[in-house]
Amino acid sequence: MAQELAGKTVAILATDGFEQVELTEPKKALEAAGATTHVLSLKDGEIKGWKFTDWGESVKVDKLVSEASPDDYDMLVLPGGVQNPDKLRVDNAAVAFVGEFFDSGKPIGAICHAAWTLIEADVVDGLTVTSWPSLETDLENAGAEWVDEEVVVDANLITSRKPDDLPAFNAKLIEVLKG
């Protein structure tokens, strides 16, 4: 299993306030399967995670999203947290990157509140998705069908609800990226 994703490169787009385990756990799982991961963000240096109820650890940023191209990646992962996607969805470069990535047909994994960024990129209309339950109305207003399931795959979107779903989310990311 250690090299089943060798040669694959995954972008993880996040900024300060990402739900810590929703970035670190997919990153670990993808790397354990042989993929290379790059953390993309709105700023250089490090971004600070949110650990359920308080600030968590920082993660090194590999590249600014404004300097990244979807052509350089095989998959995009969007961690949740409330603050993270709320900041990403008002950043033109981040929204454009997500939209271009979706249009490329390559897979995008989004968990929890990350669906806000998908809504802003206008990529959920007509698709079945899941998310943190409070986003149900937002997703339906954007034209999606919301379901309360651990992991949902529709078109090139892989969506999941919450940290408890990470084992299933991570397994689905690897399965889809493997092909």
N, C-alpha and C. Protein backbone atom coordinates (compact mmCIF):
# COMPACT_ATOMS: atom_id res chain seq x y z
N MET A 1 0.81 -1.20 0.00
CA MET A 1 0.00 0.00 0.00
C MET A 1 0.85 1.26 0.00
N ALA A 2 2.04 1.17 0.54
CA ALA A 2 2.85 2.37 0.75
C ALA A 2 3.12 3.17 -0.52
N GLN A 3 3.11 2.53 -1.67
CA GLN A 3 3.44 3.28 -2.88
C GLN A 3 2.33 3.28 -3.93
N GLU A 4 1.10 2.94 -3.54
CA GLU A 4 0.03 2.87 -4.52
C GLU A 4 -0.28 4.21 -5.17
N LEU A 5 0.10 5.32 -4.53
CA LEU A 5 -0.12 6.65 -5.10
C LEU A 5 1.18 7.33 -5.51
N ALA A 6 2.24 6.55 -5.67
CA ALA A 6 3.53 7.12 -6.09
C ALA A 6 3.35 7.87 -7.39
N GLY A 7 3.95 9.05 -7.47
CA GLY A 7 3.84 9.87 -8.66
C GLY A 7 2.65 10.80 -8.67
N LYS A 8 1.76 10.68 -7.69
CA LYS A 8 0.58 11.56 -7.59
C LYS A 8 0.89 12.72 -6.65
N THR A 9 0.41 13.90 -7.01
CA THR A 9 0.62 15.09 -6.19
C THR A 9 -0.73 15.70 -5.83
N VAL A 10 -0.92 15.96 -4.55
CA VAL A 10 -2.19 16.46 -4.04
C VAL A 10 -2.01 17.85 -3.44
N ALA A 11 -2.87 18.78 -3.86
CA ALA A 11 -2.91 20.12 -3.27
C ALA A 11 -3.89 20.09 -2.11
N ILE A 12 -3.50 20.68 -0.98
CA ILE A 12 -4.39 20.85 0.16
C ILE A 12 -4.52 22.36 0.38
N LEU A 13 -5.69 22.90 0.10
CA LEU A 13 -5.90 24.34 0.18
C LEU A 13 -6.52 24.71 1.52
N ALA A 14 -5.82 25.54 2.28
CA ALA A 14 -6.30 25.93 3.61
C ALA A 14 -5.66 27.25 4.02
N THR A 15 -6.23 27.84 5.07
CA THR A 15 -5.65 29.02 5.69
C THR A 15 -5.89 28.95 7.19
N ASP A 16 -5.52 29.98 7.91
CA ASP A 16 -5.68 29.98 9.37
C ASP A 16 -7.11 29.60 9.75
N GLY A 17 -7.22 28.73 10.75
CA GLY A 17 -8.52 28.32 11.24
C GLY A 17 -9.02 27.02 10.64
N PHE A 18 -8.18 26.32 9.86
CA PHE A 18 -8.58 25.01 9.34
C PHE A 18 -8.77 24.06 10.52
N GLU A 19 -9.74 23.15 10.40
CA GLU A 19 -9.91 22.13 11.44
C GLU A 19 -8.70 21.20 11.35
N GLN A 20 -7.90 21.19 12.40
CA GLN A 20 -6.58 20.55 12.36
C GLN A 20 -6.61 19.13 11.81
N VAL A 21 -7.46 18.26 12.37
CA VAL A 21 -7.46 16.86 11.93
C VAL A 21 -7.96 16.71 10.49
N GLU A 22 -8.73 17.68 10.00
CA GLU A 22 -9.24 17.59 8.63
C GLU A 22 -8.19 17.96 7.60
N LEU A 23 -7.07 18.50 8.05
CA LEU A 23 -5.91 18.70 7.17
C LEU A 23 -4.86 17.63 7.46
N THR A 24 -4.52 17.44 8.72
CA THR A 24 -3.40 16.55 9.04
C THR A 24 -3.69 15.08 8.75
N GLU A 25 -4.91 14.63 9.01
CA GLU A 25 -5.22 13.21 8.79
C GLU A 25 -5.26 12.83 7.31
N PRO A 26 -5.95 13.59 6.43
CA PRO A 26 -5.87 13.26 5.00
C PRO A 26 -4.43 13.36 4.47
N LYS A 27 -3.69 14.37 4.93
CA LYS A 27 -2.30 14.55 4.50
C LYS A 27 -1.48 13.31 4.85
N LYS A 28 -1.60 12.84 6.09
CA LYS A 28 -0.87 11.64 6.53
C LYS A 28 -1.29 10.41 5.72
N ALA A 29 -2.58 10.24 5.52
CA ALA A 29 -3.08 9.06 4.80
C ALA A 29 -2.60 9.06 3.35
N LEU A 30 -2.67 10.20 2.69
CA LEU A 30 -2.24 10.29 1.30
C LEU A 30 -0.74 10.06 1.17
N GLU A 31 0.03 10.65 2.07
CA GLU A 31 1.49 10.46 2.05
C GLU A 31 1.86 9.01 2.37
N ALA A 32 1.14 8.38 3.30
CA ALA A 32 1.41 6.98 3.63
C ALA A 32 1.15 6.07 2.43
N ALA A 33 0.24 6.50 1.56
CA ALA A 33 -0.06 5.73 0.34
C ALA A 33 0.88 6.10 -0.82
N GLY A 34 1.83 7.01 -0.57
CA GLY A 34 2.85 7.32 -1.57
C GLY A 34 2.68 8.64 -2.30
N ALA A 35 1.61 9.38 -2.04
CA ALA A 35 1.40 10.66 -2.73
C ALA A 35 2.28 11.74 -2.12
N THR A 36 2.56 12.75 -2.90
CA THR A 36 3.21 13.96 -2.43
C THR A 36 2.11 14.98 -2.18
N THR A 37 2.18 15.70 -1.06
CA THR A 37 1.18 16.72 -0.77
C THR A 37 1.84 18.09 -0.69
N HIS A 38 1.11 19.10 -1.13
CA HIS A 38 1.53 20.49 -1.01
C HIS A 38 0.41 21.27 -0.34
N VAL A 39 0.73 21.98 0.73
CA VAL A 39 -0.24 22.86 1.37
C VAL A 39 -0.19 24.21 0.65
N LEU A 40 -1.33 24.58 0.08
CA LEU A 40 -1.47 25.87 -0.58
C LEU A 40 -2.26 26.79 0.34
N SER A 41 -1.91 28.07 0.35
CA SER A 41 -2.63 28.99 1.23
C SER A 41 -2.64 30.39 0.65
N LEU A 42 -3.22 31.30 1.44
CA LEU A 42 -3.33 32.71 1.05
C LEU A 42 -2.10 33.50 1.45
N LYS A 43 -1.25 32.89 2.31
CA LYS A 43 -0.06 33.59 2.80
C LYS A 43 1.09 32.61 2.93
N ASP A 44 2.31 33.16 2.88
CA ASP A 44 3.53 32.36 3.05
C ASP A 44 3.72 31.97 4.51
N GLY A 45 4.66 31.06 4.72
CA GLY A 45 5.07 30.71 6.09
C GLY A 45 4.30 29.54 6.64
N GLU A 46 3.45 29.82 7.63
CA GLU A 46 2.68 28.79 8.29
C GLU A 46 1.24 29.25 8.46
N ILE A 47 0.36 28.27 8.56
CA ILE A 47 -1.04 28.56 8.90
C ILE A 47 -1.37 27.80 10.18
N LYS A 48 -2.26 28.38 10.98
CA LYS A 48 -2.57 27.82 12.29
C LYS A 48 -3.90 27.06 12.26
N GLY A 49 -3.85 25.85 12.79
CA GLY A 49 -5.03 25.02 12.84
C GLY A 49 -5.93 25.34 14.03
N TRP A 50 -7.15 24.83 13.94
CA TRP A 50 -8.12 24.91 15.02
C TRP A 50 -8.36 23.49 15.49
N LYS A 51 -8.16 23.25 16.78
CA LYS A 51 -8.28 21.90 17.33
C LYS A 51 -9.57 21.79 18.15
N PHE A 52 -10.68 21.61 17.44
CA PHE A 52 -12.02 21.44 18.01
C PHE A 52 -12.55 22.66 18.74
N THR A 53 -11.88 23.14 19.79
CA THR A 53 -12.41 24.26 20.58
C THR A 53 -11.39 25.37 20.84
N ASP A 54 -10.17 25.22 20.30
CA ASP A 54 -9.13 26.23 20.54
C ASP A 54 -8.07 26.11 19.45
N TRP A 55 -7.18 27.07 19.43
CA TRP A 55 -6.11 27.04 18.43
C TRP A 55 -5.26 25.79 18.59
N GLY A 56 -4.83 25.24 17.49
CA GLY A 56 -4.01 24.03 17.49
C GLY A 56 -2.61 24.33 16.99
N GLU A 57 -2.08 23.39 16.23
CA GLU A 57 -0.71 23.49 15.73
C GLU A 57 -0.68 24.21 14.38
N SER A 58 0.52 24.66 14.03
CA SER A 58 0.72 25.30 12.73
C SER A 58 1.23 24.28 11.71
N VAL A 59 0.94 24.56 10.46
CA VAL A 59 1.37 23.71 9.35
C VAL A 59 2.12 24.60 8.36
N LYS A 60 3.21 24.08 7.82
CA LYS A 60 4.02 24.81 6.85
C LYS A 60 3.26 24.95 5.52
N VAL A 61 3.31 26.14 4.96
CA VAL A 61 2.72 26.41 3.64
C VAL A 61 3.79 26.15 2.59
N ASP A 62 3.44 25.36 1.57
CA ASP A 62 4.38 25.06 0.49
C ASP A 62 4.32 26.07 -0.64
N LYS A 63 3.14 26.66 -0.87
CA LYS A 63 2.99 27.55 -2.02
C LYS A 63 1.75 28.42 -1.83
N LEU A 64 1.80 29.61 -2.37
CA LEU A 64 0.62 30.48 -2.38
C LEU A 64 -0.36 29.96 -3.43
N VAL A 65 -1.64 29.96 -3.11
CA VAL A 65 -2.64 29.50 -4.08
C VAL A 65 -2.62 30.40 -5.32
N SER A 66 -2.30 31.68 -5.14
CA SER A 66 -2.26 32.61 -6.28
C SER A 66 -1.14 32.27 -7.26
N GLU A 67 -0.18 31.46 -6.83
CA GLU A 67 0.94 31.06 -7.70
C GLU A 67 0.82 29.61 -8.16
N ALA A 68 -0.25 28.93 -7.76
CA ALA A 68 -0.41 27.51 -8.07
C ALA A 68 -1.28 27.33 -9.32
N SER A 69 -1.08 26.19 -9.97
CA SER A 69 -1.90 25.84 -11.13
C SER A 69 -2.51 24.47 -10.91
N PRO A 70 -3.81 24.31 -11.20
CA PRO A 70 -4.41 22.98 -11.10
C PRO A 70 -3.69 21.94 -11.96
N ASP A 71 -3.02 22.38 -13.02
CA ASP A 71 -2.29 21.46 -13.90
C ASP A 71 -1.19 20.70 -13.16
N ASP A 72 -0.72 21.24 -12.03
CA ASP A 72 0.38 20.63 -11.30
C ASP A 72 -0.07 19.57 -10.29
N TYR A 73 -1.39 19.35 -10.19
CA TYR A 73 -1.90 18.46 -9.14
C TYR A 73 -2.89 17.44 -9.71
N ASP A 74 -2.94 16.29 -9.03
CA ASP A 74 -3.85 15.21 -9.41
C ASP A 74 -5.13 15.24 -8.61
N MET A 75 -5.12 15.90 -7.46
CA MET A 75 -6.29 15.97 -6.58
C MET A 75 -6.16 17.24 -5.74
N LEU A 76 -7.32 17.75 -5.31
CA LEU A 76 -7.39 18.88 -4.39
C LEU A 76 -8.16 18.43 -3.16
N VAL A 77 -7.64 18.75 -1.97
CA VAL A 77 -8.34 18.47 -0.72
C VAL A 77 -8.62 19.79 -0.02
N LEU A 78 -9.87 19.95 0.43
CA LEU A 78 -10.31 21.15 1.14
C LEU A 78 -10.73 20.77 2.55
N PRO A 79 -9.88 21.06 3.56
CA PRO A 79 -10.27 20.82 4.94
C PRO A 79 -11.35 21.82 5.36
N GLY A 80 -12.07 21.49 6.42
CA GLY A 80 -13.10 22.38 6.91
C GLY A 80 -12.62 23.23 8.07
N GLY A 81 -13.45 23.26 9.10
CA GLY A 81 -13.31 24.27 10.14
C GLY A 81 -14.22 25.40 9.71
N VAL A 82 -14.65 26.23 10.61
CA VAL A 82 -15.55 27.32 10.23
C VAL A 82 -14.76 28.50 9.64
N GLN A 83 -13.67 28.87 10.29
CA GLN A 83 -12.92 30.06 9.88
C GLN A 83 -12.24 29.88 8.52
N ASN A 84 -11.65 28.72 8.31
CA ASN A 84 -10.87 28.45 7.11
C ASN A 84 -11.68 28.67 5.82
N PRO A 85 -12.78 27.94 5.59
CA PRO A 85 -13.50 28.15 4.34
C PRO A 85 -14.17 29.51 4.27
N ASP A 86 -14.49 30.10 5.43
CA ASP A 86 -15.08 31.43 5.40
C ASP A 86 -14.07 32.45 4.86
N LYS A 87 -12.79 32.27 5.17
CA LYS A 87 -11.74 33.15 4.63
C LYS A 87 -11.45 32.81 3.16
N LEU A 88 -11.42 31.51 2.83
CA LEU A 88 -11.11 31.11 1.45
C LEU A 88 -12.17 31.58 0.47
N ARG A 89 -13.44 31.54 0.87
CA ARG A 89 -14.51 31.85 -0.08
C ARG A 89 -14.61 33.32 -0.45
N VAL A 90 -13.87 34.18 0.24
CA VAL A 90 -13.83 35.59 -0.15
C VAL A 90 -12.50 35.96 -0.81
N ASP A 91 -11.66 34.97 -1.08
CA ASP A 91 -10.38 35.22 -1.73
C ASP A 91 -10.51 34.80 -3.21
N ASN A 92 -10.35 35.76 -4.11
CA ASN A 92 -10.54 35.50 -5.54
C ASN A 92 -9.64 34.40 -6.07
N ALA A 93 -8.38 34.39 -5.66
CA ALA A 93 -7.44 33.37 -6.15
C ALA A 93 -7.84 31.98 -5.69
N ALA A 94 -8.27 31.86 -4.43
CA ALA A 94 -8.67 30.56 -3.90
C ALA A 94 -9.92 30.05 -4.62
N VAL A 95 -10.91 30.91 -4.79
CA VAL A 95 -12.15 30.52 -5.45
C VAL A 95 -11.88 30.14 -6.91
N ALA A 96 -11.05 30.92 -7.58
CA ALA A 96 -10.71 30.62 -8.98
C ALA A 96 -9.99 29.28 -9.09
N PHE A 97 -9.08 29.01 -8.15
CA PHE A 97 -8.34 27.75 -8.17
C PHE A 97 -9.30 26.57 -8.02
N VAL A 98 -10.23 26.66 -7.09
CA VAL A 98 -11.20 25.59 -6.88
C VAL A 98 -12.06 25.40 -8.13
N GLY A 99 -12.52 26.50 -8.71
CA GLY A 99 -13.34 26.41 -9.92
C GLY A 99 -12.59 25.79 -11.09
N GLU A 100 -11.34 26.21 -11.29
CA GLU A 100 -10.53 25.65 -12.37
C GLU A 100 -10.24 24.17 -12.12
N PHE A 101 -10.01 23.83 -10.87
CA PHE A 101 -9.73 22.43 -10.53
C PHE A 101 -10.96 21.57 -10.85
N PHE A 102 -12.13 22.05 -10.45
CA PHE A 102 -13.35 21.31 -10.74
C PHE A 102 -13.53 21.15 -12.25
N ASP A 103 -13.32 22.23 -12.98
CA ASP A 103 -13.49 22.20 -14.45
C ASP A 103 -12.51 21.25 -15.12
N SER A 104 -11.38 20.99 -14.48
CA SER A 104 -10.37 20.08 -15.05
C SER A 104 -10.85 18.63 -15.00
N GLY A 105 -11.85 18.36 -14.16
CA GLY A 105 -12.35 16.99 -14.02
C GLY A 105 -11.59 16.16 -13.01
N LYS A 106 -10.53 16.73 -12.44
CA LYS A 106 -9.77 16.00 -11.43
C LYS A 106 -10.51 16.04 -10.09
N PRO A 107 -10.29 15.03 -9.23
CA PRO A 107 -11.07 14.94 -7.99
C PRO A 107 -10.75 16.02 -6.96
N ILE A 108 -11.83 16.43 -6.28
CA ILE A 108 -11.74 17.37 -5.16
C ILE A 108 -12.40 16.71 -3.97
N GLY A 109 -11.67 16.64 -2.85
CA GLY A 109 -12.23 16.15 -1.60
C GLY A 109 -12.50 17.33 -0.69
N ALA A 110 -13.72 17.40 -0.15
CA ALA A 110 -14.10 18.51 0.74
C ALA A 110 -14.83 17.94 1.94
N ILE A 111 -14.40 18.36 3.12
CA ILE A 111 -15.01 17.85 4.35
C ILE A 111 -15.53 19.00 5.21
N CYS A 112 -16.65 18.74 5.88
CA CYS A 112 -17.19 19.65 6.87
C CYS A 112 -17.65 20.97 6.25
N HIS A 113 -17.16 22.08 6.73
CA HIS A 113 -17.54 23.40 6.24
C HIS A 113 -16.85 23.78 4.93
N ALA A 114 -15.97 22.94 4.40
CA ALA A 114 -15.28 23.23 3.14
C ALA A 114 -16.26 23.41 2.00
N ALA A 115 -17.48 22.89 2.14
CA ALA A 115 -18.48 23.05 1.09
C ALA A 115 -18.78 24.52 0.80
N TRP A 116 -18.54 25.41 1.77
CA TRP A 116 -18.73 26.84 1.50
C TRP A 116 -17.85 27.30 0.34
N THR A 117 -16.63 26.80 0.28
CA THR A 117 -15.74 27.18 -0.81
C THR A 117 -16.24 26.61 -2.13
N LEU A 118 -16.78 25.39 -2.10
CA LEU A 118 -17.36 24.79 -3.31
C LEU A 118 -18.55 25.61 -3.80
N ILE A 119 -19.38 26.09 -2.86
CA ILE A 119 -20.53 26.92 -3.23
C ILE A 119 -20.05 28.19 -3.91
N GLU A 120 -19.06 28.83 -3.31
CA GLU A 120 -18.55 30.10 -3.86
C GLU A 120 -17.94 29.90 -5.25
N ALA A 121 -17.34 28.73 -5.47
CA ALA A 121 -16.74 28.43 -6.78
C ALA A 121 -17.81 27.98 -7.79
N ASP A 122 -19.05 27.90 -7.35
CA ASP A 122 -20.19 27.57 -8.21
C ASP A 122 -20.03 26.20 -8.88
N VAL A 123 -19.71 25.18 -8.06
CA VAL A 123 -19.47 23.85 -8.63
C VAL A 123 -20.41 22.76 -8.10
N VAL A 124 -21.40 23.11 -7.26
CA VAL A 124 -22.24 22.08 -6.66
C VAL A 124 -23.61 21.92 -7.32
N ASP A 125 -23.97 22.83 -8.20
CA ASP A 125 -25.31 22.79 -8.81
C ASP A 125 -25.56 21.45 -9.51
N GLY A 126 -26.63 20.79 -9.13
CA GLY A 126 -27.01 19.52 -9.74
C GLY A 126 -26.32 18.30 -9.17
N LEU A 127 -25.45 18.48 -8.18
CA LEU A 127 -24.71 17.34 -7.61
C LEU A 127 -25.26 16.97 -6.24
N THR A 128 -25.04 15.73 -5.86
CA THR A 128 -25.38 15.25 -4.53
C THR A 128 -24.13 15.34 -3.66
N VAL A 129 -24.27 15.99 -2.51
CA VAL A 129 -23.12 16.23 -1.63
C VAL A 129 -23.54 16.06 -0.18
N THR A 130 -22.53 16.00 0.70
CA THR A 130 -22.76 16.06 2.13
C THR A 130 -21.80 17.09 2.72
N SER A 131 -22.02 17.43 3.98
CA SER A 131 -21.22 18.45 4.67
C SER A 131 -21.59 18.43 6.14
N TRP A 132 -21.02 19.36 6.88
CA TRP A 132 -21.49 19.61 8.24
C TRP A 132 -22.98 19.96 8.10
N PRO A 133 -23.85 19.44 8.97
CA PRO A 133 -25.29 19.61 8.79
C PRO A 133 -25.78 21.05 8.63
N SER A 134 -25.13 22.01 9.25
CA SER A 134 -25.61 23.40 9.17
C SER A 134 -25.47 24.00 7.77
N LEU A 135 -24.76 23.33 6.88
CA LEU A 135 -24.60 23.84 5.51
C LEU A 135 -25.65 23.30 4.55
N GLU A 136 -26.56 22.46 5.06
CA GLU A 136 -27.57 21.85 4.19
C GLU A 136 -28.33 22.90 3.38
N THR A 137 -28.85 23.92 4.01
CA THR A 137 -29.62 24.95 3.30
C THR A 137 -28.75 25.71 2.31
N ASP A 138 -27.52 26.03 2.71
CA ASP A 138 -26.61 26.74 1.80
C ASP A 138 -26.38 25.93 0.52
N LEU A 139 -26.15 24.63 0.69
CA LEU A 139 -25.90 23.75 -0.46
C LEU A 139 -27.15 23.60 -1.32
N GLU A 140 -28.31 23.44 -0.69
CA GLU A 140 -29.54 23.33 -1.46
C GLU A 140 -29.84 24.62 -2.21
N ASN A 141 -29.58 25.77 -1.59
CA ASN A 141 -29.77 27.06 -2.27
C ASN A 141 -28.82 27.23 -3.46
N ALA A 142 -27.68 26.52 -3.42
CA ALA A 142 -26.72 26.56 -4.52
C ALA A 142 -27.03 25.51 -5.59
N GLY A 143 -28.13 24.76 -5.40
CA GLY A 143 -28.55 23.80 -6.40
C GLY A 143 -28.15 22.36 -6.16
N ALA A 144 -27.51 22.08 -5.03
CA ALA A 144 -27.08 20.72 -4.72
C ALA A 144 -28.19 19.96 -4.01
N GLU A 145 -28.09 18.65 -4.06
CA GLU A 145 -28.93 17.80 -3.22
C GLU A 145 -28.07 17.39 -2.04
N TRP A 146 -28.47 17.75 -0.81
CA TRP A 146 -27.70 17.44 0.39
C TRP A 146 -28.22 16.14 0.99
N VAL A 147 -27.28 15.26 1.38
CA VAL A 147 -27.63 14.02 2.06
C VAL A 147 -26.76 13.87 3.30
N ASP A 148 -27.30 13.18 4.29
CA ASP A 148 -26.58 12.97 5.55
C ASP A 148 -25.91 11.60 5.49
N GLU A 149 -24.74 11.55 4.84
CA GLU A 149 -23.99 10.31 4.69
C GLU A 149 -22.52 10.58 4.99
N GLU A 150 -21.82 9.52 5.36
CA GLU A 150 -20.40 9.61 5.74
C GLU A 150 -19.54 10.19 4.63
N VAL A 151 -19.68 9.65 3.42
CA VAL A 151 -18.92 10.11 2.26
C VAL A 151 -19.83 10.00 1.05
N VAL A 152 -19.79 11.03 0.20
CA VAL A 152 -20.58 11.03 -1.03
C VAL A 152 -19.65 11.37 -2.19
N VAL A 153 -19.76 10.60 -3.27
CA VAL A 153 -19.00 10.89 -4.49
C VAL A 153 -20.01 11.19 -5.59
N ASP A 154 -19.89 12.35 -6.22
CA ASP A 154 -20.71 12.71 -7.37
C ASP A 154 -19.84 13.55 -8.28
N ALA A 155 -19.86 13.19 -9.56
CA ALA A 155 -18.95 13.81 -10.54
C ALA A 155 -17.53 13.68 -9.98
N ASN A 156 -16.79 14.79 -9.90
CA ASN A 156 -15.43 14.71 -9.36
C ASN A 156 -15.33 15.25 -7.93
N LEU A 157 -16.47 15.34 -7.23
CA LEU A 157 -16.46 15.78 -5.83
C LEU A 157 -16.60 14.60 -4.89
N ILE A 158 -15.76 14.61 -3.85
CA ILE A 158 -15.82 13.65 -2.76
C ILE A 158 -16.09 14.49 -1.52
N THR A 159 -17.29 14.35 -0.93
CA THR A 159 -17.62 15.18 0.22
C THR A 159 -17.87 14.31 1.45
N SER A 160 -17.60 14.91 2.61
CA SER A 160 -17.76 14.20 3.87
C SER A 160 -18.23 15.20 4.93
N ARG A 161 -18.78 14.68 6.04
CA ARG A 161 -19.47 15.54 7.01
C ARG A 161 -18.61 16.16 8.09
N LYS A 162 -17.72 15.35 8.72
CA LYS A 162 -17.12 15.80 9.98
C LYS A 162 -15.90 14.97 10.33
N PRO A 163 -15.15 15.38 11.37
CA PRO A 163 -13.96 14.63 11.76
C PRO A 163 -14.20 13.14 12.01
N ASP A 164 -15.35 12.78 12.55
CA ASP A 164 -15.63 11.36 12.80
C ASP A 164 -15.63 10.53 11.51
N ASP A 165 -15.85 11.20 10.39
CA ASP A 165 -15.91 10.51 9.09
C ASP A 165 -14.54 10.40 8.41
N LEU A 166 -13.50 10.90 9.04
CA LEU A 166 -12.18 10.92 8.40
C LEU A 166 -11.69 9.56 7.92
N PRO A 167 -11.85 8.46 8.65
CA PRO A 167 -11.38 7.18 8.12
C PRO A 167 -12.02 6.84 6.76
N ALA A 168 -13.33 7.03 6.65
CA ALA A 168 -14.01 6.75 5.38
C ALA A 168 -13.62 7.76 4.31
N PHE A 169 -13.51 9.03 4.68
CA PHE A 169 -13.11 10.09 3.74
C PHE A 169 -11.71 9.81 3.19
N ASN A 170 -10.76 9.52 4.08
CA ASN A 170 -9.39 9.25 3.65
C ASN A 170 -9.32 8.03 2.74
N ALA A 171 -10.04 6.98 3.08
CA ALA A 171 -10.05 5.77 2.24
C ALA A 171 -10.61 6.08 0.86
N LYS A 172 -11.65 6.90 0.79
CA LYS A 172 -12.26 7.25 -0.50
C LYS A 172 -11.32 8.13 -1.32
N LEU A 173 -10.61 9.06 -0.67
CA LEU A 173 -9.63 9.89 -1.39
C LEU A 173 -8.60 8.99 -2.07
N ILE A 174 -8.07 8.04 -1.32
CA ILE A 174 -7.04 7.13 -1.86
C ILE A 174 -7.61 6.28 -2.97
N GLU A 175 -8.80 5.72 -2.76
CA GLU A 175 -9.42 4.88 -3.78
C GLU A 175 -9.64 5.65 -5.09
N VAL A 176 -10.16 6.87 -4.99
CA VAL A 176 -10.44 7.65 -6.19
C VAL A 176 -9.14 8.07 -6.88
N LEU A 177 -8.15 8.50 -6.10
CA LEU A 177 -6.88 8.93 -6.70
C LEU A 177 -6.14 7.76 -7.35
N LYS A 178 -6.29 6.60 -6.77
CA LYS A 178 -5.66 5.40 -7.33
C LYS A 178 -6.25 5.06 -8.69
N GLY A 179 -7.54 5.39 -8.85
CA GLY A 179 -8.18 5.14 -10.15
C GLY A 179 -8.88 3.87 -10.19
